[in-house]
Each structure stands twice: as structure tokens, then as C-alpha cells.
Amino acid sequence: MKRMDKLIQDYIHDPYFTKEKYPDPSVCEKCGVVFHNGIFEWLKDVPKDAKKIICPACRRIEDKYEGGVVYLEGEFLQKHKEEIFNLIRNVEEEEKAYRPLERIIEIKEENGKVVIKTTYEHLARRIGEAIHKAYKGDLKLNYPEGQKYVRVYWHRD
């Protein structure tokens, strides 16, 4: 007899995605990303009949509503800051090409620490993993239960 008492995982609500689909085609009037065939993508030739919208990533950036945050600290960071920042930007460009809504909201430096806020959790995780792969150190990923969010901590002395 088949068991029917499995836990059903709740849908994690994202207020920046609407239940109904965007009109096809639509173009973000801020960044130029196009919603076409059910996905957001970068197109060289934007359809002339595209409806103007503001995409979920631009809305998150406006509201400063991050989906992930990366904390970097340690003496190694101070000595190699330029290299690490270049790596961060490269990871963002690579991720954004594949997932147009994955973006850095802001990078702040506070008391020798760097805090990077991203639109979604994928980019924050990728940044942490790329820094760890390139420079070793201690990496911790924290996914708060029931949330579509990640906190990434990286440290190296």
C-alpha cells in the first residue's frame, strides 16, 4: 500500500514575480531585458511591439530587497581587494548572461568588511563559491528555513 503521509513542501512566495505571466513580448524600460517565450532574456533586437514593464530584478534593486547577501572579511581581503572585486564582477557578468535577473544590488565596505547584496540567492552563492575556489578560506552558506534567501560568509586571514 502506498504511503500518503508525505510532507508537502510549501511554495516559497516571491513578491517580485506575478502569478500571471507578463505580456509576450515585454521589455524592461530600465535595463532592457526582454520577456519572451516565457523567460527573461537579453535580445539584441527588441520586438517593436514589446510592452514596457519593469522587470523583477529592477524592482528589487529599486526597493533594495535582496535575495542574498555575501559577507567578506579578513586580512587576505584587504591585501587582495582589487583581485577579489574583479572576480565578483566577472561572476556577476557570467551569471547575468545566463540568468538576466541575477544582479548585484550594492557593494558596501564597512570597517574592513565587504557586504554584497544580490537580487537572488543564486548569484550570492556563486560569488561565495568562486571566491572560496580561487582563494580558499572559510566559507559558510546559511539558508534560513522556509525562505528563498541565502547568507554567505567568507573569511580568510
N, C-alpha and C. Protein backbone atom coordinates (compact mmCIF):
# COMPACT_ATOMS: atom_id res chain seq x y z
N MET A 1 0.84 -1.18 0.00
CA MET A 1 0.00 0.00 0.00
C MET A 1 0.89 1.25 0.00
N LYS A 2 0.57 2.21 -0.83
CA LYS A 2 1.35 3.43 -0.97
C LYS A 2 1.07 4.38 0.18
N ARG A 3 2.14 4.94 0.76
CA ARG A 3 2.00 5.89 1.87
C ARG A 3 1.51 7.23 1.35
N MET A 4 0.63 7.86 2.07
CA MET A 4 0.07 9.14 1.65
C MET A 4 0.38 10.24 2.67
N ASP A 5 1.30 9.98 3.60
CA ASP A 5 1.55 10.97 4.65
C ASP A 5 2.85 11.76 4.44
N LYS A 6 3.25 11.93 3.18
CA LYS A 6 4.46 12.70 2.89
C LYS A 6 4.23 14.17 3.20
N LEU A 7 5.30 14.83 3.61
CA LEU A 7 5.21 16.27 3.84
C LEU A 7 5.16 16.97 2.49
N ILE A 8 4.28 17.90 2.38
CA ILE A 8 4.17 18.69 1.16
C ILE A 8 4.96 19.97 1.39
N GLN A 9 5.91 20.22 0.51
CA GLN A 9 6.73 21.41 0.66
C GLN A 9 5.92 22.63 0.23
N ASP A 10 5.90 23.64 1.10
CA ASP A 10 5.18 24.87 0.80
C ASP A 10 5.85 25.62 -0.34
N TYR A 11 5.04 26.30 -1.13
CA TYR A 11 5.55 27.18 -2.17
C TYR A 11 6.15 28.40 -1.48
N ILE A 12 7.36 28.76 -1.86
CA ILE A 12 8.01 29.93 -1.29
C ILE A 12 7.62 31.13 -2.15
N HIS A 13 6.88 32.03 -1.56
CA HIS A 13 6.34 33.17 -2.28
C HIS A 13 7.42 34.21 -2.56
N ASP A 14 7.48 34.69 -3.79
CA ASP A 14 8.37 35.78 -4.16
C ASP A 14 7.50 36.93 -4.62
N PRO A 15 7.43 38.02 -3.84
CA PRO A 15 6.55 39.13 -4.18
C PRO A 15 6.92 39.85 -5.48
N TYR A 16 8.09 39.55 -6.02
CA TYR A 16 8.52 40.23 -7.24
C TYR A 16 8.19 39.45 -8.51
N PHE A 17 7.59 38.31 -8.36
CA PHE A 17 7.08 37.57 -9.52
C PHE A 17 5.57 37.55 -9.43
N THR A 18 4.92 37.91 -10.51
CA THR A 18 3.46 37.92 -10.52
C THR A 18 2.96 36.53 -10.87
N LYS A 19 1.76 36.20 -10.42
CA LYS A 19 1.17 34.88 -10.73
C LYS A 19 0.89 34.77 -12.23
N GLU A 20 0.38 35.86 -12.80
CA GLU A 20 0.10 35.83 -14.23
C GLU A 20 1.37 36.19 -14.99
N LYS A 21 1.48 35.69 -16.20
CA LYS A 21 2.67 35.94 -17.00
C LYS A 21 2.65 37.37 -17.53
N TYR A 22 3.84 37.86 -17.81
CA TYR A 22 3.95 39.17 -18.45
C TYR A 22 3.47 39.03 -19.89
N PRO A 23 2.97 40.13 -20.48
CA PRO A 23 2.60 40.06 -21.90
C PRO A 23 3.83 39.67 -22.73
N ASP A 24 3.61 38.86 -23.75
CA ASP A 24 4.72 38.40 -24.59
C ASP A 24 4.64 39.09 -25.94
N PRO A 25 5.64 39.86 -26.32
CA PRO A 25 6.88 40.18 -25.63
C PRO A 25 6.73 41.43 -24.75
N SER A 26 7.57 41.50 -23.72
CA SER A 26 7.66 42.68 -22.86
C SER A 26 9.13 43.04 -22.71
N VAL A 27 9.41 44.33 -22.52
CA VAL A 27 10.78 44.78 -22.33
C VAL A 27 10.84 45.69 -21.10
N CYS A 28 11.88 45.48 -20.29
CA CYS A 28 12.07 46.31 -19.10
C CYS A 28 12.56 47.68 -19.56
N GLU A 29 11.86 48.71 -19.14
CA GLU A 29 12.24 50.06 -19.56
C GLU A 29 13.49 50.57 -18.84
N LYS A 30 13.93 49.87 -17.81
CA LYS A 30 15.14 50.30 -17.09
C LYS A 30 16.40 49.61 -17.61
N CYS A 31 16.36 48.27 -17.74
CA CYS A 31 17.58 47.53 -18.09
C CYS A 31 17.55 46.95 -19.51
N GLY A 32 16.37 46.84 -20.12
CA GLY A 32 16.27 46.33 -21.48
C GLY A 32 16.12 44.83 -21.61
N VAL A 33 16.00 44.10 -20.48
CA VAL A 33 15.79 42.65 -20.56
C VAL A 33 14.41 42.40 -21.16
N VAL A 34 14.30 41.35 -21.96
CA VAL A 34 13.06 41.06 -22.67
C VAL A 34 12.42 39.79 -22.11
N PHE A 35 11.11 39.85 -21.86
CA PHE A 35 10.34 38.66 -21.50
C PHE A 35 9.74 38.15 -22.80
N HIS A 36 10.17 36.93 -23.20
CA HIS A 36 9.74 36.37 -24.48
C HIS A 36 9.73 34.85 -24.37
N ASN A 37 8.67 34.23 -24.86
CA ASN A 37 8.52 32.78 -24.79
C ASN A 37 8.63 32.24 -23.36
N GLY A 38 8.11 33.00 -22.42
CA GLY A 38 8.03 32.53 -21.04
C GLY A 38 9.27 32.74 -20.19
N ILE A 39 10.31 33.38 -20.73
CA ILE A 39 11.53 33.61 -19.94
C ILE A 39 12.06 35.02 -20.17
N PHE A 40 12.90 35.47 -19.24
CA PHE A 40 13.60 36.73 -19.42
C PHE A 40 14.92 36.42 -20.11
N GLU A 41 15.25 37.22 -21.14
CA GLU A 41 16.50 37.02 -21.86
C GLU A 41 16.98 38.33 -22.46
N TRP A 42 18.27 38.38 -22.72
CA TRP A 42 18.84 39.56 -23.38
C TRP A 42 18.72 39.33 -24.88
N LEU A 43 18.07 40.25 -25.57
CA LEU A 43 17.94 40.15 -27.02
C LEU A 43 18.56 41.38 -27.67
N LYS A 44 19.27 41.17 -28.77
CA LYS A 44 19.86 42.31 -29.48
C LYS A 44 18.77 43.13 -30.16
N ASP A 45 17.80 42.43 -30.74
CA ASP A 45 16.71 43.11 -31.43
C ASP A 45 15.43 42.96 -30.62
N VAL A 46 15.07 44.02 -29.91
CA VAL A 46 13.86 44.01 -29.09
C VAL A 46 12.66 44.16 -30.04
N PRO A 47 11.67 43.27 -29.90
CA PRO A 47 10.48 43.38 -30.76
C PRO A 47 9.82 44.76 -30.62
N LYS A 48 9.44 45.34 -31.74
CA LYS A 48 8.86 46.69 -31.73
C LYS A 48 7.54 46.76 -30.98
N ASP A 49 6.81 45.65 -30.93
CA ASP A 49 5.50 45.65 -30.27
C ASP A 49 5.60 45.27 -28.78
N ALA A 50 6.81 45.24 -28.24
CA ALA A 50 7.00 44.82 -26.84
C ALA A 50 6.38 45.83 -25.88
N LYS A 51 5.65 45.29 -24.90
CA LYS A 51 5.03 46.14 -23.88
C LYS A 51 6.10 46.54 -22.88
N LYS A 52 6.05 47.78 -22.40
CA LYS A 52 7.02 48.28 -21.42
C LYS A 52 6.63 47.80 -20.02
N ILE A 53 7.61 47.24 -19.30
CA ILE A 53 7.42 46.79 -17.92
C ILE A 53 8.66 47.18 -17.12
N ILE A 54 8.62 46.94 -15.83
CA ILE A 54 9.83 46.98 -15.00
C ILE A 54 10.01 45.56 -14.50
N CYS A 55 11.15 44.95 -14.83
CA CYS A 55 11.38 43.54 -14.51
C CYS A 55 11.54 43.33 -13.00
N PRO A 56 11.39 42.09 -12.54
CA PRO A 56 11.52 41.81 -11.11
C PRO A 56 12.88 42.22 -10.52
N ALA A 57 13.96 42.08 -11.29
CA ALA A 57 15.29 42.46 -10.78
C ALA A 57 15.38 43.97 -10.57
N CYS A 58 14.91 44.75 -11.52
CA CYS A 58 14.95 46.21 -11.38
C CYS A 58 14.06 46.67 -10.23
N ARG A 59 12.93 46.00 -10.03
CA ARG A 59 12.06 46.35 -8.90
C ARG A 59 12.75 46.03 -7.58
N ARG A 60 13.44 44.89 -7.49
CA ARG A 60 14.18 44.54 -6.28
C ARG A 60 15.29 45.55 -6.01
N ILE A 61 15.99 45.97 -7.07
CA ILE A 61 17.08 46.94 -6.92
C ILE A 61 16.51 48.28 -6.42
N GLU A 62 15.42 48.72 -7.00
CA GLU A 62 14.76 49.96 -6.56
C GLU A 62 14.40 49.90 -5.08
N ASP A 63 13.84 48.76 -4.67
CA ASP A 63 13.37 48.59 -3.29
C ASP A 63 14.48 48.17 -2.32
N LYS A 64 15.68 47.89 -2.86
CA LYS A 64 16.79 47.35 -2.05
C LYS A 64 16.35 46.11 -1.27
N TYR A 65 15.65 45.22 -1.97
CA TYR A 65 15.11 43.99 -1.38
C TYR A 65 15.94 42.82 -1.89
N GLU A 66 16.98 42.47 -1.14
CA GLU A 66 17.91 41.45 -1.62
C GLU A 66 17.36 40.04 -1.44
N GLY A 67 17.88 39.15 -2.28
CA GLY A 67 17.57 37.73 -2.17
C GLY A 67 18.75 36.96 -1.64
N GLY A 68 19.88 37.65 -1.51
CA GLY A 68 21.08 37.03 -0.97
C GLY A 68 22.04 38.11 -0.53
N VAL A 69 22.88 37.76 0.44
CA VAL A 69 23.88 38.71 0.91
C VAL A 69 25.18 37.94 1.18
N VAL A 70 26.29 38.55 0.77
CA VAL A 70 27.61 37.95 0.94
C VAL A 70 28.42 38.84 1.87
N TYR A 71 29.01 38.23 2.90
CA TYR A 71 29.87 38.95 3.83
C TYR A 71 31.30 38.44 3.63
N LEU A 72 32.22 39.36 3.34
CA LEU A 72 33.63 39.01 3.14
C LEU A 72 34.45 39.74 4.19
N GLU A 73 35.42 39.03 4.79
CA GLU A 73 36.28 39.71 5.75
C GLU A 73 37.60 38.97 5.92
N GLY A 74 38.56 39.66 6.53
CA GLY A 74 39.86 39.08 6.82
C GLY A 74 40.99 39.89 6.22
N GLU A 75 42.20 39.64 6.71
CA GLU A 75 43.38 40.35 6.22
C GLU A 75 43.63 40.08 4.74
N PHE A 76 43.37 38.84 4.31
CA PHE A 76 43.59 38.48 2.91
C PHE A 76 42.73 39.37 2.00
N LEU A 77 41.51 39.65 2.41
CA LEU A 77 40.61 40.51 1.64
C LEU A 77 41.25 41.88 1.44
N GLN A 78 41.80 42.45 2.49
CA GLN A 78 42.39 43.78 2.41
C GLN A 78 43.59 43.81 1.45
N LYS A 79 44.37 42.74 1.45
CA LYS A 79 45.56 42.69 0.60
C LYS A 79 45.24 42.38 -0.86
N HIS A 80 44.10 41.75 -1.11
CA HIS A 80 43.75 41.30 -2.47
C HIS A 80 42.39 41.83 -2.93
N LYS A 81 42.01 42.98 -2.40
CA LYS A 81 40.67 43.53 -2.66
C LYS A 81 40.38 43.73 -4.14
N GLU A 82 41.32 44.30 -4.88
CA GLU A 82 41.09 44.56 -6.30
C GLU A 82 40.86 43.27 -7.08
N GLU A 83 41.68 42.25 -6.82
CA GLU A 83 41.51 40.95 -7.49
C GLU A 83 40.14 40.34 -7.16
N ILE A 84 39.79 40.40 -5.88
CA ILE A 84 38.53 39.81 -5.43
C ILE A 84 37.34 40.55 -6.05
N PHE A 85 37.41 41.89 -6.09
CA PHE A 85 36.33 42.66 -6.71
C PHE A 85 36.20 42.35 -8.20
N ASN A 86 37.34 42.16 -8.89
CA ASN A 86 37.29 41.77 -10.31
C ASN A 86 36.61 40.41 -10.46
N LEU A 87 36.94 39.48 -9.58
CA LEU A 87 36.31 38.15 -9.62
C LEU A 87 34.80 38.28 -9.41
N ILE A 88 34.40 39.10 -8.45
CA ILE A 88 32.97 39.30 -8.16
C ILE A 88 32.24 39.82 -9.39
N ARG A 89 32.82 40.82 -10.05
CA ARG A 89 32.18 41.39 -11.26
C ARG A 89 32.14 40.36 -12.40
N ASN A 90 33.18 39.57 -12.54
CA ASN A 90 33.18 38.53 -13.58
C ASN A 90 32.09 37.49 -13.32
N VAL A 91 31.94 37.09 -12.06
CA VAL A 91 30.89 36.12 -11.71
C VAL A 91 29.52 36.73 -12.01
N GLU A 92 29.32 38.00 -11.66
CA GLU A 92 28.04 38.65 -11.93
C GLU A 92 27.75 38.68 -13.43
N GLU A 93 28.73 39.06 -14.24
CA GLU A 93 28.52 39.14 -15.69
C GLU A 93 28.19 37.76 -16.28
N GLU A 94 28.90 36.74 -15.82
CA GLU A 94 28.65 35.38 -16.31
C GLU A 94 27.26 34.90 -15.92
N GLU A 95 26.88 35.14 -14.68
CA GLU A 95 25.57 34.71 -14.19
C GLU A 95 24.45 35.49 -14.88
N LYS A 96 24.65 36.80 -15.04
CA LYS A 96 23.64 37.66 -15.65
C LYS A 96 23.40 37.30 -17.11
N ALA A 97 24.43 36.83 -17.80
CA ALA A 97 24.26 36.41 -19.20
C ALA A 97 23.32 35.22 -19.29
N TYR A 98 23.42 34.31 -18.32
CA TYR A 98 22.60 33.09 -18.31
C TYR A 98 21.25 33.31 -17.61
N ARG A 99 21.28 34.05 -16.50
CA ARG A 99 20.08 34.37 -15.73
C ARG A 99 19.98 35.89 -15.60
N PRO A 100 19.28 36.56 -16.51
CA PRO A 100 19.27 38.02 -16.56
C PRO A 100 18.78 38.73 -15.28
N LEU A 101 18.05 38.04 -14.43
CA LEU A 101 17.53 38.69 -13.23
C LEU A 101 18.49 38.61 -12.04
N GLU A 102 19.62 37.91 -12.22
CA GLU A 102 20.62 37.79 -11.16
C GLU A 102 21.59 38.97 -11.26
N ARG A 103 21.52 39.87 -10.28
CA ARG A 103 22.35 41.08 -10.33
C ARG A 103 22.82 41.47 -8.94
N ILE A 104 23.88 42.27 -8.91
CA ILE A 104 24.34 42.85 -7.65
C ILE A 104 23.54 44.12 -7.41
N ILE A 105 22.95 44.23 -6.22
CA ILE A 105 22.21 45.44 -5.84
C ILE A 105 23.19 46.50 -5.37
N GLU A 106 24.11 46.10 -4.47
CA GLU A 106 25.10 47.05 -3.98
C GLU A 106 26.27 46.32 -3.34
N ILE A 107 27.40 47.01 -3.31
CA ILE A 107 28.59 46.53 -2.61
C ILE A 107 28.99 47.64 -1.64
N LYS A 108 29.06 47.29 -0.36
CA LYS A 108 29.43 48.27 0.67
C LYS A 108 30.66 47.78 1.41
N GLU A 109 31.51 48.72 1.79
CA GLU A 109 32.65 48.40 2.63
C GLU A 109 32.41 49.06 3.98
N GLU A 110 32.46 48.26 5.04
CA GLU A 110 32.23 48.76 6.39
C GLU A 110 33.25 48.15 7.34
N ASN A 111 34.07 48.97 7.98
CA ASN A 111 35.03 48.51 8.99
C ASN A 111 35.87 47.33 8.52
N GLY A 112 36.41 47.42 7.31
CA GLY A 112 37.26 46.35 6.80
C GLY A 112 36.52 45.13 6.28
N LYS A 113 35.20 45.19 6.28
CA LYS A 113 34.39 44.09 5.76
C LYS A 113 33.70 44.56 4.49
N VAL A 114 33.37 43.61 3.63
CA VAL A 114 32.64 43.92 2.40
C VAL A 114 31.29 43.20 2.47
N VAL A 115 30.22 43.92 2.16
CA VAL A 115 28.87 43.35 2.14
C VAL A 115 28.32 43.53 0.73
N ILE A 116 27.93 42.40 0.12
CA ILE A 116 27.40 42.41 -1.25
C ILE A 116 25.97 41.92 -1.19
N LYS A 117 25.04 42.74 -1.69
CA LYS A 117 23.63 42.34 -1.74
C LYS A 117 23.27 42.03 -3.18
N THR A 118 22.59 40.89 -3.37
CA THR A 118 22.22 40.44 -4.72
C THR A 118 20.71 40.30 -4.84
N THR A 119 20.23 40.32 -6.08
CA THR A 119 18.79 40.23 -6.30
C THR A 119 18.23 38.86 -5.92
N TYR A 120 18.98 37.80 -6.18
CA TYR A 120 18.50 36.46 -5.86
C TYR A 120 19.63 35.64 -5.26
N GLU A 121 19.28 34.51 -4.68
CA GLU A 121 20.23 33.70 -3.91
C GLU A 121 21.29 33.02 -4.78
N HIS A 122 20.99 32.73 -6.04
CA HIS A 122 21.94 32.02 -6.90
C HIS A 122 23.26 32.80 -7.04
N LEU A 123 23.15 34.09 -7.30
CA LEU A 123 24.34 34.90 -7.51
C LEU A 123 25.16 35.02 -6.22
N ALA A 124 24.52 35.20 -5.10
CA ALA A 124 25.24 35.29 -3.82
C ALA A 124 26.02 34.00 -3.57
N ARG A 125 25.38 32.87 -3.77
CA ARG A 125 26.05 31.57 -3.59
C ARG A 125 27.22 31.42 -4.55
N ARG A 126 27.00 31.77 -5.82
CA ARG A 126 28.06 31.65 -6.84
C ARG A 126 29.25 32.53 -6.51
N ILE A 127 29.01 33.75 -6.01
CA ILE A 127 30.11 34.65 -5.64
C ILE A 127 30.92 34.02 -4.51
N GLY A 128 30.24 33.54 -3.47
CA GLY A 128 30.93 32.91 -2.35
C GLY A 128 31.74 31.70 -2.78
N GLU A 129 31.15 30.86 -3.60
CA GLU A 129 31.84 29.66 -4.07
C GLU A 129 33.03 29.99 -4.96
N ALA A 130 32.91 31.02 -5.81
CA ALA A 130 34.01 31.41 -6.69
C ALA A 130 35.19 31.96 -5.88
N ILE A 131 34.90 32.78 -4.86
CA ILE A 131 35.97 33.32 -4.02
C ILE A 131 36.64 32.20 -3.25
N HIS A 132 35.85 31.28 -2.73
CA HIS A 132 36.40 30.15 -1.97
C HIS A 132 37.26 29.26 -2.87
N LYS A 133 36.80 29.01 -4.07
CA LYS A 133 37.56 28.17 -5.01
C LYS A 133 38.89 28.83 -5.39
N ALA A 134 38.85 30.14 -5.59
CA ALA A 134 40.06 30.85 -6.03
C ALA A 134 41.04 31.13 -4.89
N TYR A 135 40.51 31.42 -3.69
CA TYR A 135 41.37 31.90 -2.61
C TYR A 135 41.29 31.07 -1.32
N LYS A 136 40.54 29.99 -1.36
CA LYS A 136 40.35 29.13 -0.17
C LYS A 136 39.71 29.94 0.97
N GLY A 137 40.13 29.72 2.21
CA GLY A 137 39.50 30.41 3.34
C GLY A 137 38.32 29.61 3.86
N ASP A 138 37.54 30.24 4.72
CA ASP A 138 36.36 29.60 5.32
C ASP A 138 35.10 30.12 4.65
N LEU A 139 34.26 29.21 4.19
CA LEU A 139 33.00 29.57 3.53
C LEU A 139 31.85 28.91 4.26
N LYS A 140 30.83 29.70 4.58
CA LYS A 140 29.61 29.17 5.20
C LYS A 140 28.42 29.71 4.44
N LEU A 141 27.48 28.82 4.12
CA LEU A 141 26.23 29.19 3.47
C LEU A 141 25.10 28.98 4.47
N ASN A 142 24.24 29.96 4.61
CA ASN A 142 23.14 29.86 5.55
C ASN A 142 21.83 30.17 4.80
N TYR A 143 20.99 29.14 4.68
CA TYR A 143 19.67 29.31 4.05
C TYR A 143 18.63 29.31 5.16
N PRO A 144 18.09 30.48 5.53
CA PRO A 144 17.06 30.49 6.57
C PRO A 144 15.87 29.61 6.15
N GLU A 145 15.39 28.82 7.10
CA GLU A 145 14.33 27.85 6.81
C GLU A 145 13.08 28.54 6.25
N GLY A 146 12.56 27.98 5.17
CA GLY A 146 11.31 28.47 4.58
C GLY A 146 11.45 29.75 3.78
N GLN A 147 12.68 30.18 3.51
CA GLN A 147 12.87 31.41 2.77
C GLN A 147 13.69 31.16 1.51
N LYS A 148 13.40 31.93 0.50
CA LYS A 148 14.17 31.89 -0.75
C LYS A 148 15.26 32.97 -0.61
N TYR A 149 16.28 32.66 0.21
CA TYR A 149 17.27 33.65 0.61
C TYR A 149 18.52 32.92 1.07
N VAL A 150 19.69 33.54 0.90
CA VAL A 150 20.92 32.94 1.41
C VAL A 150 21.81 34.02 2.01
N ARG A 151 22.51 33.64 3.08
CA ARG A 151 23.58 34.46 3.65
C ARG A 151 24.87 33.67 3.44
N VAL A 152 25.85 34.33 2.84
CA VAL A 152 27.12 33.70 2.54
C VAL A 152 28.20 34.41 3.35
N TYR A 153 28.99 33.63 4.09
CA TYR A 153 30.07 34.20 4.90
C TYR A 153 31.40 33.62 4.41
N TRP A 154 32.35 34.52 4.08
CA TRP A 154 33.69 34.08 3.69
C TRP A 154 34.71 34.87 4.49
N HIS A 155 35.71 34.15 4.99
CA HIS A 155 36.74 34.76 5.82
C HIS A 155 38.09 34.10 5.53
N ARG A 156 39.12 34.93 5.45
CA ARG A 156 40.48 34.40 5.37
C ARG A 156 41.44 35.41 5.96
N ASP A 157 42.30 34.94 6.88
CA ASP A 157 43.31 35.84 7.49
C ASP A 157 44.52 35.95 6.62
